[in-house]
């Protein structure tokens, strides 16, 4: 049986894309010795939002629509860790007034999270994350920022169209989330009851770890869950993405989104760095 020229071209394109993604995953770098590890996310086109038949979807994920990422951008390979954030605090003396949640000693229902330096920093608000970005920008010589919702979802999907970058179903071996009702804890979840060290679960095709699960991630976009109005200020709420260790697997989907107050701090929200090219 002969393949048509179109099929051959399609296969070549798929192989080229897969090769490009593998090369992309390996191309990590730091803008300074103490800067977070980052990678370049290539430009492209994707369908943002969830299809109407996706299990677990919410109305704030509609309607699905095509988006073009016209220019490549830089994104953190991991969430910002406690060690990363500690360097910022040590250098600046940054201490927000009357924190309701202390990143140095985060607790959940009275129990300590007992985090290691390699776990994602939590108890950081959107304002705290942006203060870190200002410090990092001055240190690295590049304008770091939070990713937009569009950039975040494009990077999380990494060329996939399913609910999660590995497929349609939740998988406790691929993301740190709360255990589904009636389910069993994975070996990883038994080991890390709360947050897990960054990179403990497999990366997506862009070489990004923990885009889903572990901690929700602040984005630049202003809005309530269901009404994104862009990154302009002033804004009482900002969107978080990705799901976290405390929430059910249904929230750990590429299209899932929520929003919290700008100065809200909790033990399952962190962030990762981004910058334009």
C-alpha atoms as a PDB file:
ATOM      1  CA  UNK A   1       0.000   0.000   0.000  1.00  0.00           C
ATOM      2  CA  UNK A   2       1.386   3.399  -0.958  1.00  0.00           C
ATOM      3  CA  UNK A   3       1.127   6.427   1.260  1.00  0.00           C
ATOM      4  CA  UNK A   4      -0.129   9.566  -0.376  1.00  0.00           C
ATOM      5  CA  UNK A   5       2.202  12.535  -0.515  1.00  0.00           C
ATOM      6  CA  UNK A   6      -0.001  14.299   2.059  1.00  0.00           C
ATOM      7  CA  UNK A   7       0.315  11.458   4.551  1.00  0.00           C
ATOM      8  CA  UNK A   8       4.068  11.342   4.090  1.00  0.00           C
ATOM      9  CA  UNK A   9       4.321  15.086   4.687  1.00  0.00           C
ATOM     10  CA  UNK A  10       2.142  14.756   7.778  1.00  0.00           C
ATOM     11  CA  UNK A  11       4.378  12.028   9.205  1.00  0.00           C
ATOM     12  CA  UNK A  12       7.486  14.116   8.498  1.00  0.00           C
ATOM     13  CA  UNK A  13       5.887  17.118  10.217  1.00  0.00           C
ATOM     14  CA  UNK A  14       4.994  15.023  13.263  1.00  0.00           C
ATOM     15  CA  UNK A  15       8.512  13.627  13.508  1.00  0.00           C
ATOM     16  CA  UNK A  16       9.990  17.094  13.171  1.00  0.00           C
ATOM     17  CA  UNK A  17       7.699  18.444  15.882  1.00  0.00           C
ATOM     18  CA  UNK A  18       8.565  15.596  18.237  1.00  0.00           C
ATOM     19  CA  UNK A  19      12.278  16.139  17.619  1.00  0.00           C
ATOM     20  CA  UNK A  20      11.903  19.878  18.191  1.00  0.00           C
ATOM     21  CA  UNK A  21      10.087  19.274  21.470  1.00  0.00           C
ATOM     22  CA  UNK A  22      12.800  16.884  22.661  1.00  0.00           C
ATOM     23  CA  UNK A  23      15.447  19.461  21.827  1.00  0.00           C
ATOM     24  CA  UNK A  24      13.346  22.116  23.543  1.00  0.00           C
ATOM     25  CA  UNK A  25      13.119  20.077  26.735  1.00  0.00           C
ATOM     26  CA  UNK A  26      16.919  19.825  26.877  1.00  0.00           C
ATOM     27  CA  UNK A  27      17.564  23.546  26.286  1.00  0.00           C
ATOM     28  CA  UNK A  28      17.502  24.828  29.850  1.00  0.00           C
ATOM     29  CA  UNK A  29      19.554  27.714  31.212  1.00  0.00           C
ATOM     30  CA  UNK A  30      19.909  30.276  34.005  1.00  0.00           C
ATOM     31  CA  UNK A  31      20.235  34.030  33.546  1.00  0.00           C
ATOM     32  CA  UNK A  32      22.456  34.257  36.628  1.00  0.00           C
ATOM     33  CA  UNK A  33      24.087  31.858  39.060  1.00  0.00           C
ATOM     34  CA  UNK A  34      21.226  32.064  41.585  1.00  0.00           C
ATOM     35  CA  UNK A  35      18.423  32.480  39.048  1.00  0.00           C
ATOM     36  CA  UNK A  36      15.756  29.779  38.584  1.00  0.00           C
ATOM     37  CA  UNK A  37      16.307  27.241  35.821  1.00  0.00           C
ATOM     38  CA  UNK A  38      14.294  28.275  32.750  1.00  0.00           C
ATOM     39  CA  UNK A  39      13.618  27.141  29.204  1.00  0.00           C
ATOM     40  CA  UNK A  40      12.380  28.752  25.999  1.00  0.00           C
ATOM     41  CA  UNK A  41       8.814  27.937  24.993  1.00  0.00           C
ATOM     42  CA  UNK A  42       8.430  28.093  21.186  1.00  0.00           C
ATOM     43  CA  UNK A  43       5.723  30.069  19.417  1.00  0.00           C
ATOM     44  CA  UNK A  44       2.688  28.163  18.183  1.00  0.00           C
ATOM     45  CA  UNK A  45      -1.057  27.805  18.080  1.00  0.00           C
ATOM     46  CA  UNK A  46      -3.414  25.977  20.447  1.00  0.00           C
ATOM     47  CA  UNK A  47      -7.024  25.639  21.479  1.00  0.00           C
ATOM     48  CA  UNK A  48      -7.520  27.322  24.845  1.00  0.00           C
ATOM     49  CA  UNK A  49     -10.243  26.171  27.221  1.00  0.00           C
ATOM     50  CA  UNK A  50     -11.937  22.816  27.663  1.00  0.00           C
ATOM     51  CA  UNK A  51     -14.299  21.043  25.267  1.00  0.00           C
ATOM     52  CA  UNK A  52     -17.863  20.801  26.542  1.00  0.00           C
ATOM     53  CA  UNK A  53     -17.610  17.049  27.139  1.00  0.00           C
ATOM     54  CA  UNK A  54     -14.398  17.130  29.207  1.00  0.00           C
ATOM     55  CA  UNK A  55     -14.992  15.464  32.609  1.00  0.00           C
ATOM     56  CA  UNK A  56     -14.567  17.875  35.479  1.00  0.00           C
ATOM     57  CA  UNK A  57     -14.825  21.019  33.354  1.00  0.00           C
ATOM     58  CA  UNK A  58     -16.319  24.227  34.754  1.00  0.00           C
ATOM     59  CA  UNK A  59     -18.200  27.000  33.000  1.00  0.00           C
ATOM     60  CA  UNK A  60     -15.313  29.398  33.530  1.00  0.00           C
ATOM     61  CA  UNK A  61     -13.266  27.344  31.039  1.00  0.00           C
ATOM     62  CA  UNK A  62     -15.572  28.117  28.118  1.00  0.00           C
ATOM     63  CA  UNK A  63     -15.765  28.739  25.305  1.00  0.00           C
ATOM     64  CA  UNK A  64     -12.838  26.839  23.784  1.00  0.00           C
ATOM     65  CA  UNK A  65     -11.100  29.056  21.237  1.00  0.00           C
ATOM     66  CA  UNK A  66      -7.964  29.091  19.117  1.00  0.00           C
ATOM     67  CA  UNK A  67      -5.035  31.226  20.262  1.00  0.00           C
ATOM     68  CA  UNK A  68      -1.758  31.942  18.520  1.00  0.00           C
ATOM     69  CA  UNK A  69       1.367  32.507  20.587  1.00  0.00           C
ATOM     70  CA  UNK A  70       3.159  34.761  18.130  1.00  0.00           C
ATOM     71  CA  UNK A  71       6.511  34.895  19.910  1.00  0.00           C
ATOM     72  CA  UNK A  72       8.496  32.435  21.969  1.00  0.00           C
ATOM     73  CA  UNK A  73       8.957  33.223  25.654  1.00  0.00           C
ATOM     74  CA  UNK A  74      10.896  32.025  28.677  1.00  0.00           C
ATOM     75  CA  UNK A  75       9.290  30.023  31.493  1.00  0.00           C
ATOM     76  CA  UNK A  76      10.579  28.439  34.684  1.00  0.00           C
ATOM     77  CA  UNK A  77      11.239  24.721  34.438  1.00  0.00           C
ATOM     78  CA  UNK A  78      10.053  24.383  38.045  1.00  0.00           C
ATOM     79  CA  UNK A  79       7.932  26.366  40.461  1.00  0.00           C
ATOM     80  CA  UNK A  80       9.952  28.878  42.472  1.00  0.00           C
ATOM     81  CA  UNK A  81      11.367  26.930  45.406  1.00  0.00           C
ATOM     82  CA  UNK A  82      11.815  27.851  49.052  1.00  0.00           C
ATOM     83  CA  UNK A  83      15.559  28.136  48.381  1.00  0.00           C
ATOM     84  CA  UNK A  84      14.920  30.544  45.479  1.00  0.00           C
ATOM     85  CA  UNK A  85      12.591  32.688  47.555  1.00  0.00           C
ATOM     86  CA  UNK A  86      14.896  32.639  50.590  1.00  0.00           C
ATOM     87  CA  UNK A  87      17.665  34.234  48.505  1.00  0.00           C
ATOM     88  CA  UNK A  88      15.282  37.049  47.605  1.00  0.00           C
ATOM     89  CA  UNK A  89      14.215  37.629  51.214  1.00  0.00           C
ATOM     90  CA  UNK A  90      17.804  37.516  52.467  1.00  0.00           C
ATOM     91  CA  UNK A  91      18.924  40.035  49.842  1.00  0.00           C
ATOM     92  CA  UNK A  92      16.035  42.471  50.301  1.00  0.00           C
ATOM     93  CA  UNK A  93      14.684  41.951  53.804  1.00  0.00           C
ATOM     94  CA  UNK A  94      11.252  41.643  52.222  1.00  0.00           C
ATOM     95  CA  UNK A  95       8.611  41.044  54.876  1.00  0.00           C
ATOM     96  CA  UNK A  96       4.976  41.807  54.035  1.00  0.00           C
ATOM     97  CA  UNK A  97       2.977  43.220  56.960  1.00  0.00           C
ATOM     98  CA  UNK A  98       0.952  40.851  59.126  1.00  0.00           C
ATOM     99  CA  UNK A  99       1.232  37.733  56.972  1.00  0.00           C
ATOM    100  CA  UNK A 100      -1.595  35.294  57.648  1.00  0.00           C
ATOM    101  CA  UNK A 101       0.487  32.453  56.278  1.00  0.00           C
ATOM    102  CA  UNK A 102       4.258  32.302  56.899  1.00  0.00           C
ATOM    103  CA  UNK A 103       6.284  30.874  54.007  1.00  0.00           C
ATOM    104  CA  UNK A 104       9.083  29.974  56.417  1.00  0.00           C
ATOM    105  CA  UNK A 105       6.851  27.741  58.553  1.00  0.00           C
ATOM    106  CA  UNK A 106       3.707  26.853  56.588  1.00  0.00           C
ATOM    107  CA  UNK A 107       1.109  24.778  58.374  1.00  0.00           C
ATOM    108  CA  UNK A 108      -2.097  23.023  57.415  1.00  0.00           C
ATOM    109  CA  UNK A 109      -4.776  22.497  60.070  1.00  0.00           C
ATOM    110  CA  UNK A 110      -2.125  22.942  62.734  1.00  0.00           C
ATOM    111  CA  UNK A 111       0.368  20.499  61.220  1.00  0.00           C
ATOM    112  CA  UNK A 112       3.676  21.645  59.737  1.00  0.00           C
ATOM    113  CA  UNK A 113       4.257  21.033  56.044  1.00  0.00           C
ATOM    114  CA  UNK A 114       7.891  20.399  57.021  1.00  0.00           C
ATOM    115  CA  UNK A 115       9.134  21.523  53.620  1.00  0.00           C
ATOM    116  CA  UNK A 116      12.650  21.111  52.267  1.00  0.00           C
ATOM    117  CA  UNK A 117      14.477  23.869  50.334  1.00  0.00           C
ATOM    118  CA  UNK A 118      13.650  22.068  47.049  1.00  0.00           C
ATOM    119  CA  UNK A 119       9.883  22.241  47.552  1.00  0.00           C
ATOM    120  CA  UNK A 120       7.789  25.047  46.040  1.00  0.00           C
ATOM    121  CA  UNK A 121       7.438  28.139  48.169  1.00  0.00           C
ATOM    122  CA  UNK A 122       3.882  28.596  49.465  1.00  0.00           C
ATOM    123  CA  UNK A 123       2.163  31.282  51.542  1.00  0.00           C
ATOM    124  CA  UNK A 124       3.091  33.799  48.847  1.00  0.00           C
ATOM    125  CA  UNK A 125       0.541  36.240  47.465  1.00  0.00           C
ATOM    126  CA  UNK A 126       0.348  37.669  43.951  1.00  0.00           C
ATOM    127  CA  UNK A 127       1.955  40.812  45.353  1.00  0.00           C
ATOM    128  CA  UNK A 128       4.764  38.783  46.942  1.00  0.00           C
ATOM    129  CA  UNK A 129       5.398  36.985  43.651  1.00  0.00           C
ATOM    130  CA  UNK A 130       5.706  40.286  41.823  1.00  0.00           C
ATOM    131  CA  UNK A 131       8.086  41.656  44.445  1.00  0.00           C
ATOM    132  CA  UNK A 132      10.265  38.604  43.783  1.00  0.00           C
ATOM    133  CA  UNK A 133      10.065  39.289  40.045  1.00  0.00           C
ATOM    134  CA  UNK A 134      11.277  42.862  40.493  1.00  0.00           C
ATOM    135  CA  UNK A 135      14.272  41.671  42.483  1.00  0.00           C
ATOM    136  CA  UNK A 136      15.044  38.894  40.005  1.00  0.00           C
ATOM    137  CA  UNK A 137      14.783  41.291  37.053  1.00  0.00           C
ATOM    138  CA  UNK A 138      17.388  43.609  38.578  1.00  0.00           C
ATOM    139  CA  UNK A 139      19.658  40.685  39.414  1.00  0.00           C
ATOM    140  CA  UNK A 140      19.376  38.912  36.051  1.00  0.00           C
ATOM    141  CA  UNK A 141      19.251  41.933  33.755  1.00  0.00           C
ATOM    142  CA  UNK A 142      16.009  40.705  32.161  1.00  0.00           C
ATOM    143  CA  UNK A 143      12.416  41.757  32.849  1.00  0.00           C
ATOM    144  CA  UNK A 144      10.933  38.782  34.673  1.00  0.00           C
ATOM    145  CA  UNK A 145       7.199  38.554  35.325  1.00  0.00           C
ATOM    146  CA  UNK A 146       4.376  36.128  35.955  1.00  0.00           C
ATOM    147  CA  UNK A 147       3.104  34.265  32.877  1.00  0.00           C
ATOM    148  CA  UNK A 148      -0.227  35.240  31.379  1.00  0.00           C
ATOM    149  CA  UNK A 149      -3.054  32.723  31.487  1.00  0.00           C
ATOM    150  CA  UNK A 150      -2.657  32.157  27.766  1.00  0.00           C
ATOM    151  CA  UNK A 151       1.079  31.483  28.064  1.00  0.00           C
ATOM    152  CA  UNK A 152       0.502  29.235  31.054  1.00  0.00           C
ATOM    153  CA  UNK A 153      -2.085  27.016  29.364  1.00  0.00           C
ATOM    154  CA  UNK A 154      -0.095  26.829  26.133  1.00  0.00           C
ATOM    155  CA  UNK A 155       2.970  25.734  28.092  1.00  0.00           C
ATOM    156  CA  UNK A 156       0.990  23.280  30.223  1.00  0.00           C
ATOM    157  CA  UNK A 157      -0.534  21.608  27.176  1.00  0.00           C
ATOM    158  CA  UNK A 158       2.819  21.397  25.379  1.00  0.00           C
ATOM    159  CA  UNK A 159       1.191  20.544  22.071  1.00  0.00           C
ATOM    160  CA  UNK A 160      -1.510  18.249  23.467  1.00  0.00           C
ATOM    161  CA  UNK A 161      -5.285  18.592  23.216  1.00  0.00           C
ATOM    162  CA  UNK A 162      -6.336  16.226  26.009  1.00  0.00           C
ATOM    163  CA  UNK A 163      -7.388  17.301  29.497  1.00  0.00           C
ATOM    164  CA  UNK A 164      -3.868  16.668  30.732  1.00  0.00           C
ATOM    165  CA  UNK A 165      -0.572  16.598  28.863  1.00  0.00           C
ATOM    166  CA  UNK A 166      -0.313  12.825  29.339  1.00  0.00           C
ATOM    167  CA  UNK A 167      -3.905  12.035  28.342  1.00  0.00           C
ATOM    168  CA  UNK A 168      -7.549  12.405  29.407  1.00  0.00           C
ATOM    169  CA  UNK A 169      -7.426  10.764  32.825  1.00  0.00           C
ATOM    170  CA  UNK A 170      -5.938  11.736  36.179  1.00  0.00           C
ATOM    171  CA  UNK A 171      -2.818   9.799  37.150  1.00  0.00           C
ATOM    172  CA  UNK A 172      -1.396   9.840  40.696  1.00  0.00           C
ATOM    173  CA  UNK A 173       1.992   8.886  39.270  1.00  0.00           C
ATOM    174  CA  UNK A 174       2.133  12.099  37.218  1.00  0.00           C
ATOM    175  CA  UNK A 175       0.812  14.853  39.490  1.00  0.00           C
ATOM    176  CA  UNK A 176       0.638  15.616  43.206  1.00  0.00           C
ATOM    177  CA  UNK A 177      -3.052  16.105  43.983  1.00  0.00           C
ATOM    178  CA  UNK A 178      -5.437  15.020  46.701  1.00  0.00           C
ATOM    179  CA  UNK A 179      -6.494  11.420  46.456  1.00  0.00           C
ATOM    180  CA  UNK A 180      -9.688  10.858  44.482  1.00  0.00           C
ATOM    181  CA  UNK A 181     -12.631   9.593  46.502  1.00  0.00           C
ATOM    182  CA  UNK A 182     -12.290   5.840  46.900  1.00  0.00           C
ATOM    183  CA  UNK A 183      -8.821   5.868  45.372  1.00  0.00           C
ATOM    184  CA  UNK A 184      -5.513   4.712  46.740  1.00  0.00           C
ATOM    185  CA  UNK A 185      -2.491   6.880  47.396  1.00  0.00           C
ATOM    186  CA  UNK A 186       0.403   6.492  45.005  1.00  0.00           C
ATOM    187  CA  UNK A 187       3.873   5.776  46.349  1.00  0.00           C
ATOM    188  CA  UNK A 188       4.719   9.432  45.763  1.00  0.00           C
ATOM    189  CA  UNK A 189       1.647  10.684  47.629  1.00  0.00           C
ATOM    190  CA  UNK A 190       2.382   8.379  50.563  1.00  0.00           C
ATOM    191  CA  UNK A 191       5.884   9.845  50.677  1.00  0.00           C
ATOM    192  CA  UNK A 192       4.798  13.490  50.319  1.00  0.00           C
ATOM    193  CA  UNK A 193       1.558  14.124  52.142  1.00  0.00           C
ATOM    194  CA  UNK A 194       1.649  17.834  51.326  1.00  0.00           C
ATOM    195  CA  UNK A 195       3.940  19.497  48.756  1.00  0.00           C
ATOM    196  CA  UNK A 196       6.599  17.462  46.969  1.00  0.00           C
ATOM    197  CA  UNK A 197      10.098  18.512  45.859  1.00  0.00           C
ATOM    198  CA  UNK A 198       9.978  20.119  42.428  1.00  0.00           C
ATOM    199  CA  UNK A 199      10.722  17.655  39.659  1.00  0.00           C
ATOM    200  CA  UNK A 200       9.380  14.635  41.556  1.00  0.00           C
ATOM    201  CA  UNK A 201       6.869  13.836  38.809  1.00  0.00           C
ATOM    202  CA  UNK A 202       7.489  13.448  35.049  1.00  0.00           C
ATOM    203  CA  UNK A 203       7.785  16.612  32.896  1.00  0.00           C
ATOM    204  CA  UNK A 204       5.607  17.487  29.912  1.00  0.00           C
ATOM    205  CA  UNK A 205       6.886  17.673  26.333  1.00  0.00           C
ATOM    206  CA  UNK A 206       8.277  21.161  26.892  1.00  0.00           C
ATOM    207  CA  UNK A 207      10.377  19.858  29.767  1.00  0.00           C
ATOM    208  CA  UNK A 208       8.268  21.632  32.402  1.00  0.00           C
ATOM    209  CA  UNK A 209       7.654  19.991  35.768  1.00  0.00           C
ATOM    210  CA  UNK A 210       4.581  20.275  37.997  1.00  0.00           C
ATOM    211  CA  UNK A 211       2.509  22.365  35.623  1.00  0.00           C
ATOM    212  CA  UNK A 212      -0.335  20.315  37.058  1.00  0.00           C
ATOM    213  CA  UNK A 213      -0.495  19.460  40.745  1.00  0.00           C
ATOM    214  CA  UNK A 214       1.757  20.244  43.705  1.00  0.00           C
ATOM    215  CA  UNK A 215       0.784  23.944  43.968  1.00  0.00           C
ATOM    216  CA  UNK A 216      -1.533  26.265  42.096  1.00  0.00           C
ATOM    217  CA  UNK A 217       0.409  28.960  40.233  1.00  0.00           C
ATOM    218  CA  UNK A 218      -0.307  32.681  40.108  1.00  0.00           C
ATOM    219  CA  UNK A 219      -0.679  34.223  36.649  1.00  0.00           C
ATOM    220  CA  UNK A 220      -0.477  37.854  35.600  1.00  0.00           C
ATOM    221  CA  UNK A 221      -4.112  38.006  34.555  1.00  0.00           C
ATOM    222  CA  UNK A 222      -6.710  39.927  36.473  1.00  0.00           C
ATOM    223  CA  UNK A 223     -10.157  38.496  36.901  1.00  0.00           C
ATOM    224  CA  UNK A 224     -12.510  36.313  38.819  1.00  0.00           C
ATOM    225  CA  UNK A 225     -12.946  32.672  38.003  1.00  0.00           C
ATOM    226  CA  UNK A 226     -14.928  32.996  34.790  1.00  0.00           C
ATOM    227  CA  UNK A 227     -14.070  36.574  33.903  1.00  0.00           C
ATOM    228  CA  UNK A 228     -10.526  37.294  32.829  1.00  0.00           C
ATOM    229  CA  UNK A 229      -9.981  40.922  31.957  1.00  0.00           C
ATOM    230  CA  UNK A 230      -6.254  40.928  31.303  1.00  0.00           C
ATOM    231  CA  UNK A 231      -3.197  41.891  33.333  1.00  0.00           C
ATOM    232  CA  UNK A 232      -4.066  45.551  33.941  1.00  0.00           C
ATOM    233  CA  UNK A 233      -4.359  47.029  37.423  1.00  0.00           C
ATOM    234  CA  UNK A 234      -5.952  47.814  39.797  1.00  0.00           C
ATOM    235  CA  UNK A 235      -7.444  44.387  40.241  1.00  0.00           C
ATOM    236  CA  UNK A 236      -8.834  42.690  43.365  1.00  0.00           C
ATOM    237  CA  UNK A 237      -8.317  39.129  42.103  1.00  0.00           C
ATOM    238  CA  UNK A 238      -5.823  37.233  39.990  1.00  0.00           C
ATOM    239  CA  UNK A 239      -6.111  33.884  38.288  1.00  0.00           C
ATOM    240  CA  UNK A 240      -4.336  30.752  39.494  1.00  0.00           C
ATOM    241  CA  UNK A 241      -3.750  27.647  37.403  1.00  0.00           C
ATOM    242  CA  UNK A 242      -2.714  24.016  37.690  1.00  0.00           C
ATOM    243  CA  UNK A 243      -4.359  22.550  40.774  1.00  0.00           C
ATOM    244  CA  UNK A 244      -2.491  21.567  43.913  1.00  0.00           C
ATOM    245  CA  UNK A 245      -1.740  18.919  46.515  1.00  0.00           C
ATOM    246  CA  UNK A 246      -4.874  19.745  48.534  1.00  0.00           C
ATOM    247  CA  UNK A 247      -7.419  19.766  45.691  1.00  0.00           C
ATOM    248  CA  UNK A 248      -8.970  16.829  43.800  1.00  0.00           C
ATOM    249  CA  UNK A 249      -7.511  15.529  40.512  1.00  0.00           C
ATOM    250  CA  UNK A 250     -10.349  17.167  38.537  1.00  0.00           C
ATOM    251  CA  UNK A 251      -8.735  20.560  39.171  1.00  0.00           C
ATOM    252  CA  UNK A 252      -5.395  19.382  37.777  1.00  0.00           C
ATOM    253  CA  UNK A 253      -6.288  19.861  34.117  1.00  0.00           C
ATOM    254  CA  UNK A 254      -4.708  22.143  31.540  1.00  0.00           C
ATOM    255  CA  UNK A 255      -7.882  24.250  31.213  1.00  0.00           C
ATOM    256  CA  UNK A 256      -8.874  24.391  34.894  1.00  0.00           C
ATOM    257  CA  UNK A 257      -8.769  27.843  36.440  1.00  0.00           C
ATOM    258  CA  UNK A 258      -9.653  29.665  39.646  1.00  0.00           C
ATOM    259  CA  UNK A 259      -8.967  33.093  41.165  1.00  0.00           C
ATOM    260  CA  UNK A 260      -7.920  34.496  44.524  1.00  0.00           C
ATOM    261  CA  UNK A 261      -7.447  37.908  46.075  1.00  0.00           C
ATOM    262  CA  UNK A 262      -4.237  39.714  45.192  1.00  0.00           C
ATOM    263  CA  UNK A 263      -2.873  39.554  48.755  1.00  0.00           C
ATOM    264  CA  UNK A 264      -4.220  36.094  49.594  1.00  0.00           C
ATOM    265  CA  UNK A 265      -1.715  33.597  51.011  1.00  0.00           C
ATOM    266  CA  UNK A 266      -2.320  29.874  51.434  1.00  0.00           C
ATOM    267  CA  UNK A 267      -0.338  26.648  51.593  1.00  0.00           C
ATOM    268  CA  UNK A 268      -1.229  25.380  48.125  1.00  0.00           C
ATOM    269  CA  UNK A 269      -0.454  28.405  45.922  1.00  0.00           C
ATOM    270  CA  UNK A 270       2.997  29.228  44.544  1.00  0.00           C
ATOM    271  CA  UNK A 271       4.309  30.594  41.246  1.00  0.00           C
ATOM    272  CA  UNK A 272       6.862  30.248  38.466  1.00  0.00           C
ATOM    273  CA  UNK A 273       8.843  32.827  36.539  1.00  0.00           C
ATOM    274  CA  UNK A 274       8.409  34.022  32.953  1.00  0.00           C
ATOM    275  CA  UNK A 275       9.867  36.653  30.677  1.00  0.00           C
ATOM    276  CA  UNK A 276       9.442  37.821  27.116  1.00  0.00           C
ATOM    277  CA  UNK A 277      12.015  37.357  24.376  1.00  0.00           C
END
